[in-house]
C-alpha atoms as a PDB file:
ATOM      1  CA  MET A   1      -0.364  -6.742  15.210  1.00  0.00           C
ATOM      2  CA  LYS A   2      -2.868  -3.541  16.112  1.00  0.00           C
ATOM      3  CA  ILE A   3      -1.792   0.011  15.161  1.00  0.00           C
ATOM      4  CA  SER A   4      -4.706   2.193  15.014  1.00  0.00           C
ATOM      5  CA  LEU A   5      -8.254   2.797  15.369  1.00  0.00           C
ATOM      6  CA  ASP A   6      -9.371   5.863  13.942  1.00  0.00           C
ATOM      7  CA  THR A   7     -12.439   5.633  11.816  1.00  0.00           C
ATOM      8  CA  ASN A   8     -12.216   9.740  11.300  1.00  0.00           C
ATOM      9  CA  GLN A   9      -9.609   9.985   9.303  1.00  0.00           C
ATOM     10  CA  GLY A  10     -10.930   7.318   6.273  1.00  0.00           C
ATOM     11  CA  TYR A  11      -9.731   3.967   5.672  1.00  0.00           C
ATOM     12  CA  VAL A  12      -6.866   3.553   8.868  1.00  0.00           C
ATOM     13  CA  ILE A  13      -5.669  -0.241   8.997  1.00  0.00           C
ATOM     14  CA  GLU A  14      -6.477  -0.997  12.459  1.00  0.00           C
ATOM     15  CA  SER A  15      -4.089  -3.942  13.148  1.00  0.00           C
ATOM     16  CA  TYR A  16      -2.245  -6.424  10.173  1.00  0.00           C
ATOM     17  CA  ASP A  17      -1.109 -10.038  10.854  1.00  0.00           C
ATOM     18  CA  GLN A  18      -0.067 -13.134   8.720  1.00  0.00           C
ATOM     19  CA  GLN A  19      -4.194 -13.749   8.177  1.00  0.00           C
ATOM     20  CA  GLY A  20      -4.203 -10.337   6.891  1.00  0.00           C
ATOM     21  CA  ILE A  21      -5.223  -6.599   7.388  1.00  0.00           C
ATOM     22  CA  VAL A  22      -7.637  -5.544   9.967  1.00  0.00           C
ATOM     23  CA  ILE A  23      -9.947  -1.876   8.307  1.00  0.00           C
ATOM     24  CA  HIS A  24     -13.232  -0.511   9.893  1.00  0.00           C
ATOM     25  CA  GLN A  25     -13.307  -3.915  11.730  1.00  0.00           C
ATOM     26  CA  GLN A  26     -14.260  -6.431   8.593  1.00  0.00           C
ATOM     27  CA  ASN A  27     -10.152  -8.589   8.056  1.00  0.00           C
ATOM     28  CA  TYR A  28      -8.798  -8.801   3.699  1.00  0.00           C
ATOM     29  CA  ASN A  29      -6.642 -11.369   3.586  1.00  0.00           C
ATOM     30  CA  HIS A  30      -5.639 -10.700  -0.557  1.00  0.00           C
ATOM     31  CA  SER A  31      -3.883  -7.806  -1.601  1.00  0.00           C
ATOM     32  CA  LEU A  32      -5.205  -4.442  -1.362  1.00  0.00           C
ATOM     33  CA  ILE A  33      -4.372  -0.914  -2.764  1.00  0.00           C
ATOM     34  CA  LEU A  34      -6.042   1.196   0.041  1.00  0.00           C
ATOM     35  CA  THR A  35      -6.144   5.026  -0.509  1.00  0.00           C
ATOM     36  CA  ALA A  36      -7.114   7.720   2.249  1.00  0.00           C
ATOM     37  CA  ASN A  37     -10.993   7.179   0.481  1.00  0.00           C
ATOM     38  CA  GLN A  38     -11.066   3.869  -1.859  1.00  0.00           C
ATOM     39  CA  LEU A  39      -9.970  -0.151  -0.847  1.00  0.00           C
ATOM     40  CA  GLN A  40      -9.364  -1.903  -3.909  1.00  0.00           C
ATOM     41  CA  THR A  41      -8.152  -5.649  -4.568  1.00  0.00           C
ATOM     42  CA  TRP A  42      -5.140  -5.283  -6.012  1.00  0.00           C
ATOM     43  CA  GLU A  43      -5.152  -9.019  -8.823  1.00  0.00           C
ATOM     44  CA  ILE A  44      -1.315  -9.366  -6.829  1.00  0.00           C
ATOM     45  CA  LYS A  45       0.196 -12.515  -4.662  1.00  0.00           C
ATOM     46  CA  CYS A  46       3.789 -11.517  -4.264  1.00  0.00           C
ATOM     47  CA  PHE A  47       6.566  -8.902  -5.116  1.00  0.00           C
ATOM     48  CA  GLN A  48       7.906 -11.577  -8.247  1.00  0.00           C
ATOM     49  CA  GLN A  49       4.467 -11.030 -10.560  1.00  0.00           C
ATOM     50  CA  LEU A  50       4.870  -7.309  -9.726  1.00  0.00           C
ATOM     51  CA  THR A  51       4.467  -5.657 -12.803  1.00  0.00           C
ATOM     52  CA  GLU A  52       4.041  -2.153 -14.806  1.00  0.00           C
ATOM     53  CA  THR A  53       0.632  -3.362 -15.688  1.00  0.00           C
ATOM     54  CA  LEU A  54      -0.707  -4.774 -11.874  1.00  0.00           C
ATOM     55  CA  MET A  55       0.585  -0.878 -10.840  1.00  0.00           C
ATOM     56  CA  GLN A  56      -1.114   1.239 -13.160  1.00  0.00           C
ATOM     57  CA  PRO A  57      -4.309   0.737 -11.037  1.00  0.00           C
ATOM     58  CA  LEU A  58      -1.928   2.600  -8.251  1.00  0.00           C
ATOM     59  CA  PHE A  59      -1.076   4.902 -10.828  1.00  0.00           C
ATOM     60  CA  ALA A  60      -4.266   5.900 -11.482  1.00  0.00           C
ATOM     61  CA  LEU A  61      -5.225   7.365  -8.148  1.00  0.00           C
ATOM     62  CA  GLN A  62      -2.361   9.943  -8.978  1.00  0.00           C
ATOM     63  CA  PRO A  63      -0.738   9.942  -5.892  1.00  0.00           C
ATOM     64  CA  ASP A  64       2.015  12.017  -4.658  1.00  0.00           C
ATOM     65  CA  ILE A  65       3.113   8.640  -3.279  1.00  0.00           C
ATOM     66  CA  ILE A  66       3.671   5.082  -3.030  1.00  0.00           C
ATOM     67  CA  ILE A  67       3.656   2.849  -0.532  1.00  0.00           C
ATOM     68  CA  LEU A  68       4.695  -0.474  -1.503  1.00  0.00           C
ATOM     69  CA  GLY A  69       4.812  -3.649   0.792  1.00  0.00           C
ATOM     70  CA  THR A  70       6.280  -6.096  -0.196  1.00  0.00           C
ATOM     71  CA  GLY A  71       4.952  -8.969   1.753  1.00  0.00           C
ATOM     72  CA  GLN A  72       6.747 -10.746   4.679  1.00  0.00           C
ATOM     73  CA  GLN A  73       9.977 -10.050   3.352  1.00  0.00           C
ATOM     74  CA  GLN A  74      11.867  -6.523   2.582  1.00  0.00           C
ATOM     75  CA  TYR A  75      12.691  -6.382  -1.231  1.00  0.00           C
ATOM     76  CA  PHE A  76      13.464  -3.771  -3.696  1.00  0.00           C
ATOM     77  CA  LEU A  77      12.678  -2.510  -7.333  1.00  0.00           C
ATOM     78  CA  SER A  78      15.270  -3.238 -10.044  1.00  0.00           C
ATOM     79  CA  PRO A  79      16.308   0.686 -11.970  1.00  0.00           C
ATOM     80  CA  SER A  80      13.759   0.053 -14.178  1.00  0.00           C
ATOM     81  CA  GLN A  81      10.750  -0.803 -12.179  1.00  0.00           C
ATOM     82  CA  MET A  82      12.073   2.277 -10.646  1.00  0.00           C
ATOM     83  CA  ALA A  83      11.833   3.870 -14.011  1.00  0.00           C
ATOM     84  CA  TRP A  84       7.592   3.735 -14.228  1.00  0.00           C
ATOM     85  CA  PHE A  85       7.668   6.421 -11.433  1.00  0.00           C
ATOM     86  CA  ILE A  86       9.716   8.956 -13.289  1.00  0.00           C
ATOM     87  CA  SER A  87       7.067  10.539 -15.430  1.00  0.00           C
ATOM     88  CA  PRO A  88       4.966  11.671 -14.060  1.00  0.00           C
ATOM     89  CA  PRO A  89       6.711  12.123 -10.927  1.00  0.00           C
ATOM     90  CA  ILE A  90       5.536   9.919  -8.395  1.00  0.00           C
ATOM     91  CA  GLY A  91       8.461   9.024  -5.019  1.00  0.00           C
ATOM     92  CA  ILE A  92       7.676   5.383  -3.634  1.00  0.00           C
ATOM     93  CA  GLU A  93       8.744   3.725  -0.651  1.00  0.00           C
ATOM     94  CA  VAL A  94       8.974  -0.311  -0.674  1.00  0.00           C
ATOM     95  CA  MET A  95       9.559  -1.991   2.161  1.00  0.00           C
ATOM     96  CA  PRO A  96       7.914  -4.829   4.103  1.00  0.00           C
ATOM     97  CA  THR A  97       3.657  -4.813   4.222  1.00  0.00           C
ATOM     98  CA  LEU A  98       3.569  -4.302   8.186  1.00  0.00           C
ATOM     99  CA  ALA A  99       5.843  -0.690   8.196  1.00  0.00           C
ATOM    100  CA  ALA A 100       3.708  -0.206   4.414  1.00  0.00           C
ATOM    101  CA  CYS A 101       0.548  -0.599   7.261  1.00  0.00           C
ATOM    102  CA  ARG A 102       2.323   2.123   9.972  1.00  0.00           C
ATOM    103  CA  THR A 103       3.582   4.216   7.860  1.00  0.00           C
ATOM    104  CA  TYR A 104       0.848   4.786   5.137  1.00  0.00           C
ATOM    105  CA  ASN A 105      -1.430   5.743   8.582  1.00  0.00           C
ATOM    106  CA  ILE A 106       1.433   8.058   9.544  1.00  0.00           C
ATOM    107  CA  LEU A 107       1.351   9.738   5.963  1.00  0.00           C
ATOM    108  CA  LEU A 108      -2.880   9.335   6.443  1.00  0.00           C
ATOM    109  CA  SER A 109      -2.788  10.734   9.934  1.00  0.00           C
ATOM    110  CA  GLU A 110      -0.543  14.031   7.735  1.00  0.00           C
ATOM    111  CA  GLY A 111      -3.288  14.669   5.283  1.00  0.00           C
ATOM    112  CA  ARG A 112      -1.216  13.899   2.618  1.00  0.00           C
ATOM    113  CA  ASN A 113      -2.281  12.210  -0.785  1.00  0.00           C
ATOM    114  CA  ILE A 114      -1.249   8.217  -1.114  1.00  0.00           C
ATOM    115  CA  VAL A 115      -1.664   5.230  -1.706  1.00  0.00           C
ATOM    116  CA  ALA A 116      -0.761   1.863  -0.241  1.00  0.00           C
ATOM    117  CA  GLY A 117      -0.332  -1.177  -2.331  1.00  0.00           C
ATOM    118  CA  LEU A 118      -0.227  -3.264   0.302  1.00  0.00           C
ATOM    119  CA  ILE A 119       0.425  -7.530  -1.420  1.00  0.00           C
ATOM    120  CA  LEU A 120       0.328  -9.891   1.305  1.00  0.00           C
END
Protein backbone atom coordinates (compact mmCIF):
# COMPACT_ATOMS: atom_id res chain seq x y z
CA MET A 1 0.00 0.00 0.00
CA LYS A 2 1.41 3.37 -1.03
CA ILE A 3 1.19 5.75 1.88
CA SER A 4 3.11 8.99 1.33
CA LEU A 5 6.08 10.62 -0.34
CA ASP A 6 7.39 13.74 1.34
CA THR A 7 11.14 13.79 1.88
CA ASN A 8 11.01 17.23 3.54
CA GLN A 9 9.65 15.66 6.74
CA GLY A 10 12.62 13.36 7.45
CA TYR A 11 12.05 9.62 7.48
CA VAL A 12 8.59 9.39 5.94
CA ILE A 13 7.15 5.96 5.13
CA GLU A 14 6.39 5.83 1.42
CA SER A 15 4.75 2.40 1.36
CA TYR A 16 4.30 -0.81 3.33
CA ASP A 17 3.37 -4.35 2.28
CA GLN A 18 4.19 -7.98 3.13
CA GLN A 19 7.73 -7.57 1.76
CA GLY A 20 8.69 -4.53 3.81
CA ILE A 21 8.60 -0.81 4.39
CA VAL A 22 9.83 1.68 1.79
CA ILE A 23 11.54 4.82 3.07
CA HIS A 24 13.43 7.17 0.74
CA GLN A 25 12.94 4.64 -2.08
CA GLN A 26 14.73 1.89 -0.14
CA ASN A 27 12.94 -1.28 0.96
CA TYR A 28 13.50 -2.52 4.52
CA ASN A 29 12.40 -6.11 5.14
CA HIS A 30 13.16 -6.25 8.87
CA SER A 31 11.76 -4.60 11.97
CA LEU A 32 12.65 -0.93 12.42
CA ILE A 33 12.86 1.84 14.97
CA LEU A 34 11.98 5.08 13.25
CA THR A 35 11.94 8.77 14.15
CA ALA A 36 11.96 11.90 12.03
CA ASN A 37 15.77 11.88 12.13
CA GLN A 38 16.78 8.26 12.76
CA LEU A 39 16.20 4.86 11.25
CA GLN A 40 17.68 1.74 12.80
CA THR A 41 17.25 -2.00 12.74
CA TRP A 42 15.22 -3.44 15.61
CA GLU A 43 16.13 -6.96 16.68
CA ILE A 44 12.62 -8.34 17.06
CA LYS A 45 10.80 -10.74 14.75
CA CYS A 46 7.36 -11.02 16.36
CA PHE A 47 5.26 -9.39 19.06
CA GLN A 48 5.61 -12.38 21.38
CA GLN A 49 9.35 -11.61 21.71
CA LEU A 50 8.67 -8.12 23.10
CA THR A 51 10.54 -7.45 26.34
CA GLU A 52 11.41 -4.34 28.29
CA THR A 53 15.02 -4.80 27.15
CA LEU A 54 13.93 -4.70 23.49
CA MET A 55 11.95 -1.53 24.22
CA GLN A 56 14.97 0.27 25.72
CA PRO A 57 16.24 1.67 22.38
CA LEU A 58 12.82 3.28 21.87
CA PHE A 59 12.70 4.67 25.42
CA ALA A 60 16.25 6.05 25.01
CA LEU A 61 15.00 8.36 22.24
CA GLN A 62 12.77 10.10 24.83
CA PRO A 63 9.60 10.39 22.74
CA ASP A 64 6.30 11.79 23.86
CA ILE A 65 4.61 8.81 22.25
CA ILE A 66 5.62 5.42 20.89
CA ILE A 67 3.72 3.90 17.99
CA LEU A 68 4.12 0.13 18.19
CA GLY A 69 3.35 -1.82 15.01
CA THR A 70 2.64 -5.44 15.96
CA GLY A 71 2.91 -7.03 12.50
CA GLN A 72 -0.11 -8.17 10.51
CA GLN A 73 -2.22 -8.94 13.59
CA GLN A 74 -3.44 -6.69 16.38
CA TYR A 75 -1.96 -7.53 19.77
CA PHE A 76 -2.39 -5.78 23.09
CA LEU A 77 0.13 -5.10 25.84
CA SER A 78 -0.35 -6.91 29.12
CA PRO A 79 -0.73 -4.85 32.31
CA SER A 80 2.89 -5.61 33.23
CA GLN A 81 4.02 -4.40 29.79
CA MET A 82 1.92 -1.24 30.15
CA ALA A 83 3.80 -0.50 33.38
CA TRP A 84 6.98 0.07 31.30
CA PHE A 85 5.49 3.38 30.15
CA ILE A 86 4.70 4.85 33.57
CA SER A 87 8.12 6.26 34.51
CA PRO A 88 9.01 8.37 32.68
CA PRO A 89 5.52 8.82 31.31
CA ILE A 90 5.46 7.90 27.62
CA GLY A 91 2.29 7.49 25.58
CA ILE A 92 1.89 4.21 23.71
CA GLU A 93 -0.35 3.27 20.81
CA VAL A 94 -0.37 -0.38 19.74
CA MET A 95 -1.76 -1.38 16.35
CA PRO A 96 -1.03 -3.56 13.32
CA THR A 97 2.05 -2.36 11.44
CA LEU A 98 0.09 -1.03 8.44
CA ALA A 99 -1.97 1.24 10.72
CA ALA A 100 1.20 2.16 12.65
CA CYS A 101 2.87 3.31 9.41
CA ARG A 102 -0.07 5.58 8.58
CA THR A 103 -0.29 6.92 12.14
CA TYR A 104 3.47 7.57 12.25
CA ASN A 105 3.29 9.64 9.04
CA ILE A 106 0.34 11.68 10.34
CA LEU A 107 2.00 12.44 13.69
CA LEU A 108 5.31 13.18 11.94
CA SER A 109 3.57 15.71 9.68
CA GLU A 110 2.22 17.40 12.83
CA GLY A 111 5.77 17.78 14.17
CA ARG A 112 5.14 15.44 17.11
CA ASN A 113 8.03 13.89 19.06
CA ILE A 114 7.35 10.25 18.16
CA VAL A 115 9.13 6.95 17.78
CA ALA A 116 7.74 4.07 15.75
CA GLY A 117 8.72 0.52 16.61
CA LEU A 118 7.60 -1.45 13.56
CA ILE A 119 7.60 -5.25 13.69
CA LEU A 120 7.64 -6.93 10.29
